[in-house]
C-alpha cells in the first residue's frame, strides 16, 4: 500500500489506501483521484467505449506472459500506414505497462501528450543509449482501465479516428512480429495471421516509419546480450 490516507475508488466506491490500484476492485482510476484529475465518466467510467479488440489484446498479453520466458509487446498500426510504435503495451520485468516513446521526429505527438490530462499518471525517463523520452504506466491487472487509457491516447495523442480507422495490433517477441490482430468499428476484431516476421525482414530505412523505438529496443537487447557474452568469454 502506498499511503495510509484513504481515497474513495471511483469505480467501486470503496475506501482504499492503495493509491495505484484499488485493493478491492483493482481499478487504476484511484490514480486519477490521487493526482486530482477530474474523471470524465463517458471516457473512463463503466461502459466507456474502447477500441474493438483492445481488451482482448490485453488478455492475450496476460496469457503470453504466463507461458513464455521473454519480454513481449503489442504495438499499433493504422491502415494508412501510421505506425504507432511510440505507444505500446508491454510485459517487462514481470510488470504490465503502457509505454510511450518519443524521439526527435515525434515532437507533435510528444507535445500533445504533455498537454494531455493523462500525462501526470506516467513516469518519465530519458533513454541513455537511445535518443528518446520514455513514459511508463504500470497498470497492474486492471485491463479495463488500461484499455480506456490506451483508447484516449490513440485518439488524443495520435489522432486515430474511431469512426473510420482500423487498428492493427502486432505482437512482438524477441524474434520479431509473432501474431497480428485487427479491429475497428468497420471491421470486427479478428486474428490476421500466425506468421513470425523476423526482425531482419522488418523494414528499417530512414524514410520508413517502421524504423521505430520498439525495433531499437529489441535490437538493443540483442546487442547488450552479445556484448555481455563476449566479455564473459574474454574473461
Protein backbone atom coordinates (compact mmCIF):
# COMPACT_ATOMS: atom_id res chain seq x y z
CA UNK A 1 0.00 0.00 0.00
CA UNK A 2 1.24 3.46 -0.85
CA UNK A 3 -0.38 5.64 1.76
CA UNK A 4 -2.41 5.46 4.94
CA UNK A 5 -4.69 8.17 3.58
CA UNK A 6 -7.88 6.62 2.21
CA UNK A 7 -9.24 7.54 -1.20
CA UNK A 8 -12.70 6.76 -2.50
CA UNK A 9 -12.39 4.49 -5.51
CA UNK A 10 -14.39 6.00 -8.39
CA UNK A 11 -15.02 2.52 -9.79
CA UNK A 12 -16.45 0.62 -6.80
CA UNK A 13 -16.94 3.34 -4.20
CA UNK A 14 -14.79 1.66 -1.53
CA UNK A 15 -12.28 3.50 0.65
CA UNK A 16 -8.81 2.34 -0.40
CA UNK A 17 -5.34 3.15 0.93
CA UNK A 18 -3.70 1.80 -2.22
CA UNK A 19 -3.23 4.85 -4.46
CA UNK A 20 -2.28 2.84 -7.56
CA UNK A 21 -4.89 0.09 -7.85
CA UNK A 22 -7.93 -0.19 -5.61
CA UNK A 23 -7.36 -3.01 -3.10
CA UNK A 24 -10.97 -4.14 -3.57
CA UNK A 25 -11.66 -3.96 -7.34
CA UNK A 26 -8.11 -3.45 -8.76
CA UNK A 27 -9.18 -0.29 -10.62
CA UNK A 28 -6.38 2.11 -11.54
CA UNK A 29 -8.87 5.01 -11.57
CA UNK A 30 -7.82 5.75 -7.97
CA UNK A 31 -4.72 7.30 -9.53
CA UNK A 32 -6.94 10.00 -11.05
CA UNK A 33 -8.17 10.83 -7.55
CA UNK A 34 -4.62 10.75 -6.15
CA UNK A 35 -3.40 13.16 -8.87
CA UNK A 36 -6.58 15.28 -8.62
CA UNK A 37 -7.51 14.61 -12.24
CA UNK A 38 -11.21 15.04 -12.98
CA UNK A 39 -12.67 11.79 -14.29
CA UNK A 40 -14.80 12.01 -17.41
CA UNK A 41 -17.18 9.08 -16.89
CA UNK A 42 -18.03 8.99 -20.60
CA UNK A 43 -14.39 8.13 -21.38
CA UNK A 44 -13.16 6.33 -18.26
CA UNK A 45 -16.26 5.19 -16.36
CA UNK A 46 -18.16 1.92 -16.55
CA UNK A 47 -19.31 1.15 -20.08
CA UNK A 48 -16.93 3.69 -21.68
CA UNK A 49 -16.09 2.82 -25.30
CA UNK A 50 -12.71 1.28 -26.15
CA UNK A 51 -11.26 0.24 -29.50
CA UNK A 52 -12.66 -3.15 -30.56
CA UNK A 53 -10.34 -5.95 -29.53
CA UNK A 54 -8.19 -3.84 -27.24
CA UNK A 55 -9.26 -5.65 -24.07
CA UNK A 56 -8.82 -8.97 -25.91
CA UNK A 57 -5.25 -7.96 -26.79
CA UNK A 58 -4.54 -7.10 -23.15
CA UNK A 59 -5.87 -10.51 -22.13
CA UNK A 60 -3.67 -12.19 -24.76
CA UNK A 61 -0.62 -10.35 -23.38
CA UNK A 62 -1.54 -11.54 -19.89
CA UNK A 63 -1.73 -15.16 -21.10
CA UNK A 64 1.53 -14.87 -23.08
CA UNK A 65 3.29 -13.52 -20.01
CA UNK A 66 2.43 -16.71 -18.13
CA UNK A 67 3.62 -19.10 -20.82
CA UNK A 68 6.81 -17.57 -22.25
CA UNK A 69 10.13 -16.59 -20.72
CA UNK A 70 10.82 -13.35 -22.56
CA UNK A 71 9.62 -9.76 -22.86
CA UNK A 72 6.64 -9.25 -25.17
CA UNK A 73 4.81 -6.21 -26.50
CA UNK A 74 1.87 -5.14 -28.63
CA UNK A 75 2.33 -2.09 -30.86
CA UNK A 76 -0.28 -0.47 -33.10
CA UNK A 77 -0.61 0.35 -36.77
CA UNK A 78 -3.39 2.11 -38.68
CA UNK A 79 -4.49 1.27 -42.23
CA UNK A 80 -3.00 4.44 -43.73
CA UNK A 81 0.47 3.17 -42.65
CA UNK A 82 0.66 5.22 -39.48
CA UNK A 83 2.87 3.02 -37.33
CA UNK A 84 2.15 3.93 -33.73
CA UNK A 85 5.09 2.21 -32.10
CA UNK A 86 5.53 5.27 -29.88
CA UNK A 87 2.67 3.73 -27.90
CA UNK A 88 2.70 0.09 -26.84
CA UNK A 89 1.58 -2.43 -24.24
CA UNK A 90 4.50 -4.26 -22.66
CA UNK A 91 5.22 -7.12 -20.30
CA UNK A 92 8.73 -6.48 -18.99
CA UNK A 93 10.40 -7.40 -15.72
CA UNK A 94 7.21 -9.11 -14.55
CA UNK A 95 5.20 -5.89 -14.96
CA UNK A 96 2.38 -4.93 -17.32
CA UNK A 97 2.98 -1.43 -18.65
CA UNK A 98 1.65 1.14 -21.07
CA UNK A 99 4.69 2.81 -22.61
CA UNK A 100 5.17 5.82 -24.85
CA UNK A 101 8.47 6.54 -26.60
CA UNK A 102 9.05 9.91 -28.27
CA UNK A 103 12.09 10.60 -30.45
CA UNK A 104 13.27 13.68 -32.32
CA UNK A 105 10.72 13.10 -35.09
CA UNK A 106 7.78 12.83 -32.68
CA UNK A 107 7.60 16.44 -31.50
CA UNK A 108 3.94 16.90 -32.43
CA UNK A 109 2.66 13.81 -30.64
CA UNK A 110 5.07 14.39 -27.74
CA UNK A 111 3.69 17.90 -27.31
CA UNK A 112 0.12 16.60 -27.45
CA UNK A 113 0.91 14.04 -24.77
CA UNK A 114 2.46 16.62 -22.44
CA UNK A 115 -0.76 18.66 -22.63
CA UNK A 116 -2.98 15.62 -22.11
CA UNK A 117 -4.79 15.10 -18.80
CA UNK A 118 -3.23 11.61 -18.54
CA UNK A 119 0.32 12.97 -18.54
CA UNK A 120 0.69 13.16 -14.70
CA UNK A 121 -0.09 9.44 -14.40
CA UNK A 122 3.09 8.43 -16.26
CA UNK A 123 6.68 8.15 -15.01
CA UNK A 124 9.26 9.79 -17.27
CA UNK A 125 12.81 8.70 -18.03
CA UNK A 126 15.37 9.62 -20.66
CA UNK A 127 16.98 6.82 -22.62
CA UNK A 128 20.72 6.63 -22.00
CA UNK A 129 21.65 4.76 -25.20
CA UNK A 130 18.75 5.70 -27.49
CA UNK A 131 17.68 9.25 -28.18
CA UNK A 132 14.10 9.24 -26.95
CA UNK A 133 11.93 10.13 -23.98
CA UNK A 134 10.16 7.21 -22.34
CA UNK A 135 6.96 7.33 -20.30
CA UNK A 136 5.58 4.35 -18.37
CA UNK A 137 2.38 3.50 -16.55
CA UNK A 138 2.30 0.15 -14.78
CA UNK A 139 -1.39 -0.76 -14.83
CA UNK A 140 -1.35 -3.87 -12.64
CA UNK A 141 -4.20 -6.20 -13.61
CA UNK A 142 -6.78 -3.54 -14.50
CA UNK A 143 -7.30 -4.49 -18.12
CA UNK A 144 -10.49 -2.46 -18.48
CA UNK A 145 -8.87 0.70 -17.12
CA UNK A 146 -5.77 0.22 -19.26
CA UNK A 147 -7.92 -0.21 -22.40
CA UNK A 148 -9.73 3.07 -21.69
CA UNK A 149 -6.48 4.95 -21.17
CA UNK A 150 -4.91 3.49 -24.33
CA UNK A 151 -8.05 4.35 -26.32
CA UNK A 152 -7.81 8.00 -25.31
CA UNK A 153 -4.06 8.10 -26.04
CA UNK A 154 -4.67 6.75 -29.54
CA UNK A 155 -7.38 9.34 -30.17
CA UNK A 156 -5.97 12.41 -28.44
CA UNK A 157 -2.21 11.94 -28.91
CA UNK A 158 -2.03 10.06 -32.22
CA UNK A 159 -5.19 11.36 -33.90
CA UNK A 160 -6.74 7.94 -34.54
CA UNK A 161 -10.34 8.35 -35.76
CA UNK A 162 -12.69 5.88 -34.00
CA UNK A 163 -15.39 6.03 -36.66
CA UNK A 164 -13.20 5.01 -39.58
CA UNK A 165 -9.74 3.82 -38.51
CA UNK A 166 -8.98 0.12 -38.07
CA UNK A 167 -6.27 -0.64 -35.52
CA UNK A 168 -3.78 -3.42 -36.20
CA UNK A 169 -2.23 -4.97 -33.11
CA UNK A 170 1.20 -6.52 -33.68
CA UNK A 171 2.60 -8.87 -31.05
CA UNK A 172 6.38 -8.54 -30.81
CA UNK A 173 8.69 -11.01 -29.14
CA UNK A 174 12.45 -11.42 -29.21
CA UNK A 175 12.23 -12.93 -32.70
CA UNK A 176 10.13 -10.20 -34.34
CA UNK A 177 6.40 -9.91 -35.10
CA UNK A 178 4.74 -13.16 -34.00
CA UNK A 179 0.98 -12.55 -34.26
CA UNK A 180 -1.25 -9.87 -35.78
CA UNK A 181 -4.82 -8.86 -34.90
CA UNK A 182 -7.16 -6.19 -36.31
CA UNK A 183 -10.31 -4.45 -35.21
CA UNK A 184 -12.39 -1.29 -35.52
CA UNK A 185 -15.94 0.00 -35.86
CA UNK A 186 -15.91 -1.00 -39.54
CA UNK A 187 -14.10 -4.32 -39.07
CA UNK A 188 -14.79 -6.89 -36.31
CA UNK A 189 -11.82 -7.83 -34.16
CA UNK A 190 -10.05 -10.90 -35.52
CA UNK A 191 -6.69 -12.62 -35.75
CA UNK A 192 -4.99 -11.96 -39.07
CA UNK A 193 -2.12 -14.43 -39.06
CA UNK A 194 0.17 -16.64 -37.06
CA UNK A 195 3.24 -15.72 -39.06
CA UNK A 196 6.57 -14.89 -37.49
CA UNK A 197 8.22 -11.94 -39.25
CA UNK A 198 11.88 -11.90 -38.21
CA UNK A 199 13.44 -8.60 -37.19
CA UNK A 200 15.75 -8.82 -40.21
CA UNK A 201 12.71 -8.68 -42.53
CA UNK A 202 11.09 -5.67 -40.88
CA UNK A 203 11.94 -2.63 -42.99
CA UNK A 204 14.23 -0.13 -41.32
CA UNK A 205 15.00 2.57 -43.92
CA UNK A 206 15.30 6.12 -42.57
CA UNK A 207 12.23 7.16 -44.54
CA UNK A 208 10.17 4.18 -43.39
CA UNK A 209 8.03 4.65 -40.29
CA UNK A 210 8.77 1.07 -39.30
CA UNK A 211 12.16 2.17 -38.01
CA UNK A 212 10.68 2.63 -34.57
CA UNK A 213 11.61 2.62 -30.94
CA UNK A 214 10.25 -0.90 -30.49
CA UNK A 215 12.71 -2.09 -33.17
CA UNK A 216 15.55 -0.23 -31.46
CA UNK A 217 14.53 -1.60 -28.08
CA UNK A 218 14.64 -5.23 -29.28
CA UNK A 219 17.89 -4.74 -31.20
CA UNK A 220 19.37 -3.09 -28.10
CA UNK A 221 18.58 -6.15 -26.02
CA UNK A 222 20.24 -8.43 -28.59
CA UNK A 223 23.37 -6.25 -28.77
CA UNK A 224 23.62 -5.98 -24.98
CA UNK A 225 23.39 -9.76 -24.66
CA UNK A 226 26.11 -10.23 -27.30
CA UNK A 227 28.44 -7.77 -25.57
CA UNK A 228 27.89 -9.50 -22.24
CA UNK A 229 28.67 -12.94 -23.70
CA UNK A 230 31.78 -11.61 -25.49
CA UNK A 231 33.04 -10.01 -22.26
CA UNK A 232 32.35 -13.22 -20.33
CA UNK A 233 34.28 -15.33 -22.85
CA UNK A 234 37.20 -12.89 -22.85
CA UNK A 235 37.40 -13.16 -19.06
